[in-house]
C-alpha atoms as a PDB file:
ATOM      1  CA  MET A   1      34.743 -11.820  17.125  1.00  0.00           C
ATOM      2  CA  VAL A   2      37.541  -9.232  17.112  1.00  0.00           C
ATOM      3  CA  ASP A   3      37.316  -8.897  13.316  1.00  0.00           C
ATOM      4  CA  GLN A   4      33.607  -8.146  13.576  1.00  0.00           C
ATOM      5  CA  ILE A   5      34.177  -5.358  16.108  1.00  0.00           C
ATOM      6  CA  ASN A   6      37.063  -3.804  14.186  1.00  0.00           C
ATOM      7  CA  SER A   7      35.145  -3.899  10.897  1.00  0.00           C
ATOM      8  CA  LEU A   8      32.400  -1.584  12.199  1.00  0.00           C
ATOM      9  CA  THR A   9      32.026   1.498  10.009  1.00  0.00           C
ATOM     10  CA  ILE A  10      30.318   4.676  11.126  1.00  0.00           C
ATOM     11  CA  GLU A  11      28.761   6.898   8.481  1.00  0.00           C
ATOM     12  CA  ILE A  12      30.145  10.425   8.211  1.00  0.00           C
ATOM     13  CA  GLY A  13      26.897  11.844   6.823  1.00  0.00           C
ATOM     14  CA  ASP A  14      26.262  15.419   5.681  1.00  0.00           C
ATOM     15  CA  GLU A  15      25.409  17.065   9.019  1.00  0.00           C
ATOM     16  CA  LEU A  16      27.982  18.372  11.492  1.00  0.00           C
ATOM     17  CA  LEU A  17      29.276  15.703  13.848  1.00  0.00           C
ATOM     18  CA  PRO A  18      28.776  16.036  17.613  1.00  0.00           C
ATOM     19  CA  ILE A  19      31.520  17.190  19.973  1.00  0.00           C
ATOM     20  CA  GLY A  20      33.564  14.242  21.204  1.00  0.00           C
ATOM     21  CA  THR A  21      33.626  12.524  17.819  1.00  0.00           C
ATOM     22  CA  VAL A  22      36.987  10.936  16.951  1.00  0.00           C
ATOM     23  CA  VAL A  23      37.886  11.136  13.261  1.00  0.00           C
ATOM     24  CA  THR A  24      40.716  10.422  10.862  1.00  0.00           C
ATOM     25  CA  LEU A  25      41.991  12.883   8.263  1.00  0.00           C
ATOM     26  CA  GLU A  26      44.284  12.645   5.253  1.00  0.00           C
ATOM     27  CA  ILE A  27      46.344  15.648   6.388  1.00  0.00           C
ATOM     28  CA  VAL A  28      47.100  14.347   9.914  1.00  0.00           C
ATOM     29  CA  GLU A  29      48.484  10.880  10.663  1.00  0.00           C
ATOM     30  CA  GLN A  30      47.008  10.649  14.177  1.00  0.00           C
ATOM     31  CA  ALA A  31      43.276  10.512  14.933  1.00  0.00           C
ATOM     32  CA  VAL A  32      41.770  13.730  16.312  1.00  0.00           C
ATOM     33  CA  MET A  33      38.804  14.453  18.578  1.00  0.00           C
ATOM     34  CA  ILE A  34      36.365  17.230  17.728  1.00  0.00           C
ATOM     35  CA  TYR A  35      35.950  19.622  20.643  1.00  0.00           C
ATOM     36  CA  GLY A  36      34.379  22.642  18.938  1.00  0.00           C
ATOM     37  CA  ARG A  37      32.136  23.440  15.981  1.00  0.00           C
ATOM     38  CA  LYS A  38      31.978  26.515  13.739  1.00  0.00           C
ATOM     39  CA  GLN A  39      35.320  27.877  14.920  1.00  0.00           C
ATOM     40  CA  GLN A  40      37.505  30.768  13.813  1.00  0.00           C
ATOM     41  CA  LYS A  41      41.296  30.784  14.047  1.00  0.00           C
ATOM     42  CA  GLU A  42      42.948  33.669  15.846  1.00  0.00           C
ATOM     43  CA  ASN A  43      43.791  36.523  13.418  1.00  0.00           C
ATOM     44  CA  ASN A  44      41.907  34.825  10.566  1.00  0.00           C
ATOM     45  CA  ASN A  45      38.405  35.493   9.247  1.00  0.00           C
ATOM     46  CA  GLN A  46      37.813  31.970   7.925  1.00  0.00           C
ATOM     47  CA  ILE A  47      35.173  29.932   9.749  1.00  0.00           C
ATOM     48  CA  TRP A  48      35.982  26.225  10.031  1.00  0.00           C
ATOM     49  CA  ASP A  49      33.406  23.487  10.665  1.00  0.00           C
ATOM     50  CA  TYR A  50      35.446  22.014  13.528  1.00  0.00           C
ATOM     51  CA  VAL A  51      38.402  22.444  15.826  1.00  0.00           C
ATOM     52  CA  ALA A  52      39.974  19.216  17.037  1.00  0.00           C
ATOM     53  CA  CYS A  53      42.850  18.009  19.187  1.00  0.00           C
ATOM     54  CA  PRO A  54      45.085  14.920  19.035  1.00  0.00           C
ATOM     55  CA  TYR A  55      43.407  11.752  20.300  1.00  0.00           C
ATOM     56  CA  PRO A  56      43.887  10.355  22.943  1.00  0.00           C
ATOM     57  CA  GLN A  57      46.206  13.073  24.321  1.00  0.00           C
ATOM     58  CA  GLY A  58      43.639  15.870  24.210  1.00  0.00           C
ATOM     59  CA  HIS A  59      44.224  19.614  24.052  1.00  0.00           C
ATOM     60  CA  ILE A  60      47.922  20.127  24.782  1.00  0.00           C
ATOM     61  CA  SER A  61      48.343  23.708  23.534  1.00  0.00           C
ATOM     62  CA  ASN A  62      46.978  26.047  20.879  1.00  0.00           C
ATOM     63  CA  GLU A  63      49.751  24.831  18.543  1.00  0.00           C
ATOM     64  CA  THR A  64      48.201  21.350  18.447  1.00  0.00           C
ATOM     65  CA  ASN A  65      44.730  22.546  17.414  1.00  0.00           C
ATOM     66  CA  VAL A  66      43.552  21.142  14.092  1.00  0.00           C
ATOM     67  CA  PHE A  67      41.017  23.273  12.213  1.00  0.00           C
ATOM     68  CA  LEU A  68      39.098  21.344   9.570  1.00  0.00           C
ATOM     69  CA  ASN A  69      35.991  21.243   7.441  1.00  0.00           C
ATOM     70  CA  HIS A  70      33.515  18.390   7.248  1.00  0.00           C
ATOM     71  CA  ASP A  71      34.620  17.339   3.756  1.00  0.00           C
ATOM     72  CA  GLN A  72      38.201  16.702   4.999  1.00  0.00           C
ATOM     73  CA  ILE A  73      37.096  13.821   7.247  1.00  0.00           C
ATOM     74  CA  VAL A  74      38.127  10.413   5.918  1.00  0.00           C
ATOM     75  CA  GLY A  75      36.594   8.203   8.615  1.00  0.00           C
ATOM     76  CA  VAL A  76      34.760   8.251  11.941  1.00  0.00           C
ATOM     77  CA  ILE A  77      36.252   6.079  14.689  1.00  0.00           C
ATOM     78  CA  PHE A  78      33.794   7.080  17.420  1.00  0.00           C
ATOM     79  CA  ARG A  79      30.668   9.232  17.240  1.00  0.00           C
ATOM     80  CA  GLY A  80      30.253  11.672  20.140  1.00  0.00           C
ATOM     81  CA  LEU A  81      27.246  11.864  22.434  1.00  0.00           C
ATOM     82  CA  GLU A  82      24.044  13.230  20.935  1.00  0.00           C
ATOM     83  CA  ASN A  83      21.280  14.600  23.122  1.00  0.00           C
ATOM     84  CA  TYR A  84      17.862  14.395  21.494  1.00  0.00           C
ATOM     85  CA  PHE A  85      16.014  15.948  24.439  1.00  0.00           C
ATOM     86  CA  CYS A  86      17.130  19.574  23.956  1.00  0.00           C
END
C-alpha cells in the first residue's frame, strides 16, 4: 500500500501551477512551495513565473526566496488548491 501512495505522479503541465504547490527543482536540493506567481526580484527587471520558499519551513527571509520559471520544475509533490468558482 505504501508503495502505491509514494508512486503517485502529478503532471506538471504547461499552465502555471496554483499557489501552495510543492515542487522539486534541479538547482535546489530541498523541495520548495510556490507562494507567488509572475514575480519580479528587487532591483531586477526580469519577471519570473514563480517565487517559492523552502518546504516545509516556509518563508524565513528574503534571502531564502527562490525565483524560478515553469520549465525549471522537475517534479510536483503536491498541487495547490484550485478554485473553479471564480
